[in-house]
Structures are given as structure tokens and as C-alpha cells.
Amino acid sequence: MAGESYAGHYIPQLAQAILSHNRRNKGQDSINLKGIMLGNAVLNDDTDTTGMYDFFWTHALISDSTIDAIHKTCNLSLDSGGPTCTALDDVDSDIGNLDIYNIYAPLCMHSGTRSPPKTPSIENFDPCSDYYVEAYLNIPEVQDAMHANVTKLKQRWSSCSDVISSWGDTVSTVLPILTELLSKGIRIWVYSGDVDGRIPVTSTRYSLNQLQLPVKVPWGAWYLNNQVGGFSITYEGNLTLVTVRGAGHEVPSYQPARSLTLVQYFLAGKPLPAN
């Protein structure tokens, strides 16, 4: 199984449920789960948040004074940062108008659906692709074909909706579940596009360090077509962290060829090519 972003929660939880199902059924109708992949994954609220702001600072997106104030006055385990925390208000003004999901990607300058999409390319990312998808999925004939919106809601579909708010049915961490899965022999690869600012590689490293696992294979580059595709490190217990160079939050959108290599080697049970 594999998933990205908030799948960092529901993929491990689903894997845990599968293992529980297998134990209850004692081999009958069992699901032969061998491993999971998690991309730019929400893993642990505290380290995810701390790592995000540290990533902003190390990538010259926020000022020294802002990061200092965050560390000194903010309790990042709270959504608000706490009563003394005002520095979070400065983050947006420091960063300005950029795409937090890929800090180096261009912005879409024409959100209208009349602008023709770019020619599909394995090398180039179209920053307006979300607008094309949203427009397409709001065509009534498309929704009918997908058996979607069968109740004929009036509001347009969007990838993020404010219809449901104040949602709190979530856990703050899945690290104990990852530990459980590893103890049951489940192979875990956590991959991270290294220019995502939403759940950046800094957050992922902070989170995985909480597991305090010994290093099995040290940090090193992996390659595709004689170019560095990213870096990886493997820990005892069959946990691997992989970075994907030049990829944002949804890794395959930005680096499809490197993503394909990642998936192929994971499915083959092999380490990524070191040269």
C-alpha cells in the first residue's frame, strides 16, 4: 500500500487493521501485506510542525527574528501556538506569494479554464494542473460517469472544502503504529520530495528520529540516468527514508521518472541504485 500526505495516518492505520484481521482469521482470507510507502507524510504533529518552520528558515523563506520568536514563545503542539505566540502571524508575510507545496515551482498565473493546458511532459510540471482537474471534475457528464454527486449538491467540487470544519477525529501521532508494523515484519519506505514546504523532509527526519532506530545503511545518494535522484538511509527493522530531489508535496507530479524508479525498487525489494 502507498499514499501521500495525510495518508501518513490512514495507510499505517489500515495496515494495522489488516494485521489484526489476519490474526483473527488465522490464515483464512488473510491479506498478504508485505510493506507500505508513505510520501511527504503527516506522521507526528509536534515534529511535523517544528520541522516545517525550521525548513522555512533553512531555505531562506522566513527571517532570523521570526524563527527565533517561534522557538522562544510558541508551543507548537497547540494549533494557535499558545497565548504568547505572535510570531506565527509573521510567517505568511515573510514567505510572500509562493507555492508552499513546492517552494521553487512557478505559480499559476491564469486560473481560468479557457487557458489551454501545457503539452503533457515527463520533464515539466504544469502549475495550473489543479485548475484543469477541478474544472473537469465539475462537468455534469463527468460526475454522472463517475457516479459522483448523486444527490445533486449545488456547490462545486473542490479538492479542499470548508463544508466540514472543526474536525477533530484524529490522532496526533502514528509513530507507535510504525513501530508495531516494523515489529511485525512490515517493510516501510518513507519518501520525501525535498522542496515541499508543507510536510518537508525536515519534518520527516525529525519524526523518524523519534523512533531512535540504529542505522543499518548510512545516508547516501541514489541515481537515475547518471543523475542524483535523491538520498536514502535505512534503519534497523526495515525502515528506509528516501528523498526525491526536486520534488514537491505530491512527488509524482513533479518528478515522475524518479517516482517510477522509487516504486519499482520498492516492489522489487531492492535498494535504490547507488550509481
Foldseek 3Di string as FASTA:
>chain_A
DEDEEQVLPVVLVVVVVLVVVCVVVVNPPHDPAAAYEYELYQFAQQLQQLLLVVVCVVVQQADPVLNVLLVPQFDSVDPVRDDRRPSVVCNDVSNDDADLQFRPDDADPDLDLVDDFDDDDLADFTNNVQSVVQVVCQDVVNCVVVVHPVVVDPDGDHPDDPPDPPDDPDDRHCVVSVVVCLVVNYAYEYEYAQRRSNRHPSSVVSNVVVVVFAWDAAKAFFDDPNDTQFIKTAGPSRYMYTYGYNAGRPRCSNNVVSVVQVVVCVVVVHDGHRD
